[in-house]
Structure formats: C-alpha cells, structure tokens
C-alpha atoms as a PDB file:
ATOM      1  CA  UNK A   1      24.502   5.560  -8.224  1.00  0.00           C
ATOM      2  CA  UNK A   2      23.479   1.995  -8.645  1.00  0.00           C
ATOM      3  CA  UNK A   3      19.983   0.687  -9.240  1.00  0.00           C
ATOM      4  CA  UNK A   4      20.052  -0.957  -5.813  1.00  0.00           C
ATOM      5  CA  UNK A   5      20.667   2.435  -4.222  1.00  0.00           C
ATOM      6  CA  UNK A   6      17.840   4.031  -6.192  1.00  0.00           C
ATOM      7  CA  UNK A   7      15.561   1.159  -5.241  1.00  0.00           C
ATOM      8  CA  UNK A   8      16.118   1.940  -1.557  1.00  0.00           C
ATOM      9  CA  UNK A   9      15.291   5.621  -2.069  1.00  0.00           C
ATOM     10  CA  UNK A  10      12.539   5.171  -4.624  1.00  0.00           C
ATOM     11  CA  UNK A  11      10.744   1.832  -4.028  1.00  0.00           C
ATOM     12  CA  UNK A  12       8.095   2.314  -6.739  1.00  0.00           C
ATOM     13  CA  UNK A  13       8.544  -1.156  -8.323  1.00  0.00           C
ATOM     14  CA  UNK A  14       8.125  -2.765  -4.898  1.00  0.00           C
ATOM     15  CA  UNK A  15       4.835  -0.980  -4.215  1.00  0.00           C
ATOM     16  CA  UNK A  16       3.593  -1.839  -7.683  1.00  0.00           C
ATOM     17  CA  UNK A  17       4.043  -5.517  -6.813  1.00  0.00           C
ATOM     18  CA  UNK A  18       2.301  -5.200  -3.439  1.00  0.00           C
ATOM     19  CA  UNK A  19      -0.782  -3.297  -4.547  1.00  0.00           C
ATOM     20  CA  UNK A  20      -2.360  -6.023  -6.741  1.00  0.00           C
ATOM     21  CA  UNK A  21      -1.909  -8.484  -3.883  1.00  0.00           C
ATOM     22  CA  UNK A  22      -3.744  -6.152  -1.513  1.00  0.00           C
ATOM     23  CA  UNK A  23      -6.662  -5.820  -3.924  1.00  0.00           C
ATOM     24  CA  UNK A  24      -6.773  -9.615  -4.372  1.00  0.00           C
ATOM     25  CA  UNK A  25      -6.807 -10.104  -0.602  1.00  0.00           C
ATOM     26  CA  UNK A  26      -9.652  -7.594  -0.159  1.00  0.00           C
ATOM     27  CA  UNK A  27     -11.700  -9.490  -2.762  1.00  0.00           C
ATOM     28  CA  UNK A  28     -11.061 -12.803  -0.987  1.00  0.00           C
ATOM     29  CA  UNK A  29     -12.036 -11.303   2.370  1.00  0.00           C
ATOM     30  CA  UNK A  30     -15.240  -9.990   0.809  1.00  0.00           C
ATOM     31  CA  UNK A  31     -16.094 -13.509  -0.382  1.00  0.00           C
ATOM     32  CA  UNK A  32     -15.332 -15.068   3.001  1.00  0.00           C
ATOM     33  CA  UNK A  33     -17.299 -12.434   4.915  1.00  0.00           C
ATOM     34  CA  UNK A  34     -20.416 -13.382   2.956  1.00  0.00           C
ATOM     35  CA  UNK A  35     -20.062 -16.936   4.294  1.00  0.00           C
ATOM     36  CA  UNK A  36     -19.720 -15.916   7.964  1.00  0.00           C
ATOM     37  CA  UNK A  37     -22.959 -15.716   9.932  1.00  0.00           C
ATOM     38  CA  UNK A  38     -21.518 -14.351  13.187  1.00  0.00           C
ATOM     39  CA  UNK A  39     -21.811 -10.559  13.416  1.00  0.00           C
ATOM     40  CA  UNK A  40     -18.440 -10.253  15.186  1.00  0.00           C
ATOM     41  CA  UNK A  41     -16.787 -12.275  12.440  1.00  0.00           C
ATOM     42  CA  UNK A  42     -18.370 -10.091   9.771  1.00  0.00           C
ATOM     43  CA  UNK A  43     -17.172  -6.988  11.629  1.00  0.00           C
ATOM     44  CA  UNK A  44     -13.660  -8.423  11.707  1.00  0.00           C
ATOM     45  CA  UNK A  45     -13.723  -9.054   7.962  1.00  0.00           C
ATOM     46  CA  UNK A  46     -15.164  -5.580   7.296  1.00  0.00           C
ATOM     47  CA  UNK A  47     -12.473  -3.916   9.422  1.00  0.00           C
ATOM     48  CA  UNK A  48      -9.743  -5.914   7.692  1.00  0.00           C
ATOM     49  CA  UNK A  49     -11.102  -4.976   4.262  1.00  0.00           C
ATOM     50  CA  UNK A  50     -11.217  -1.282   5.205  1.00  0.00           C
ATOM     51  CA  UNK A  51      -7.668  -1.396   6.532  1.00  0.00           C
ATOM     52  CA  UNK A  52      -6.285  -3.097   3.430  1.00  0.00           C
ATOM     53  CA  UNK A  53      -8.252  -0.797   1.117  1.00  0.00           C
ATOM     54  CA  UNK A  54      -6.849   2.255   2.919  1.00  0.00           C
ATOM     55  CA  UNK A  55      -3.349   0.803   2.720  1.00  0.00           C
ATOM     56  CA  UNK A  56      -3.721   0.235  -1.031  1.00  0.00           C
ATOM     57  CA  UNK A  57      -5.032   3.788  -1.439  1.00  0.00           C
ATOM     58  CA  UNK A  58      -2.064   5.141   0.556  1.00  0.00           C
ATOM     59  CA  UNK A  59       0.343   3.215  -1.667  1.00  0.00           C
ATOM     60  CA  UNK A  60      -1.377   4.622  -4.770  1.00  0.00           C
ATOM     61  CA  UNK A  61      -1.106   8.150  -3.380  1.00  0.00           C
ATOM     62  CA  UNK A  62       2.530   7.567  -2.446  1.00  0.00           C
ATOM     63  CA  UNK A  63       3.328   6.370  -5.969  1.00  0.00           C
ATOM     64  CA  UNK A  64       1.626   9.409  -7.494  1.00  0.00           C
ATOM     65  CA  UNK A  65       3.439  11.778  -5.121  1.00  0.00           C
ATOM     66  CA  UNK A  66       6.797  10.132  -5.808  1.00  0.00           C
ATOM     67  CA  UNK A  67       6.347  10.463  -9.560  1.00  0.00           C
ATOM     68  CA  UNK A  68       5.218  14.110  -9.313  1.00  0.00           C
ATOM     69  CA  UNK A  69       8.084  15.124  -7.039  1.00  0.00           C
ATOM     70  CA  UNK A  70      10.647  14.398  -9.725  1.00  0.00           C
ATOM     71  CA  UNK A  71      14.275  14.002  -8.847  1.00  0.00           C
ATOM     72  CA  UNK A  72      16.822  15.390  -6.450  1.00  0.00           C
ATOM     73  CA  UNK A  73      15.668  17.007  -3.226  1.00  0.00           C
ATOM     74  CA  UNK A  74      12.069  15.917  -3.692  1.00  0.00           C
ATOM     75  CA  UNK A  75      13.035  12.258  -3.514  1.00  0.00           C
ATOM     76  CA  UNK A  76      15.262  12.864  -0.519  1.00  0.00           C
ATOM     77  CA  UNK A  77      12.421  14.623   1.308  1.00  0.00           C
ATOM     78  CA  UNK A  78      10.063  11.764   0.435  1.00  0.00           C
ATOM     79  CA  UNK A  79      12.586   9.289   1.813  1.00  0.00           C
ATOM     80  CA  UNK A  80      13.009  11.162   5.071  1.00  0.00           C
ATOM     81  CA  UNK A  81       9.286  11.614   5.708  1.00  0.00           C
ATOM     82  CA  UNK A  82       8.400   8.033   4.825  1.00  0.00           C
ATOM     83  CA  UNK A  83      10.786   6.347   7.275  1.00  0.00           C
ATOM     84  CA  UNK A  84       9.178   4.488  10.169  1.00  0.00           C
ATOM     85  CA  UNK A  85       9.957   5.937  13.555  1.00  0.00           C
END
C-alpha cells in the first residue's frame, strides 16, 4: 500500500487542515454579525455559524472514531459508511 492509497481511505491529515479554517471562519462570522443591524442578516450569520460549528464537531468526532477503530476492517467500514450517496 502506498501513502496515497491510505490517504484516500483514512483522510485524517486532510480533516486536520480543514478544522482550524472552520473555527477561524466561525470567529469571523461572529465579528461580522455584531456589525449587522438587520435581524434577517443576523439570523443568516447565526445559522451559518451553527452549521459550521456542527461541521467542525462532526469532523472532530470522525477523527476520534477513525483513531479508535484501529486498522483493517474498521477502516474499511468507516470508508464505506462515510461515502456520499
């Protein structure tokens, strides 16, 4: 197996790079929402922040699950269940 193959099955380094960006974006949205006076605009920012926070949490949970599962069949099952339909 090559590292490229393992990267496709076990994309932990990729999610580790994405997660800090999500947290940074949530912080920026929080700052911008404080500047918006329109209630619909604030609701849009709040919804976006919730969505990105939940996505970051899901990535954290996915990373923890992937590490706990170990090797072999556990990784294959994780790969199969995480594919988009």
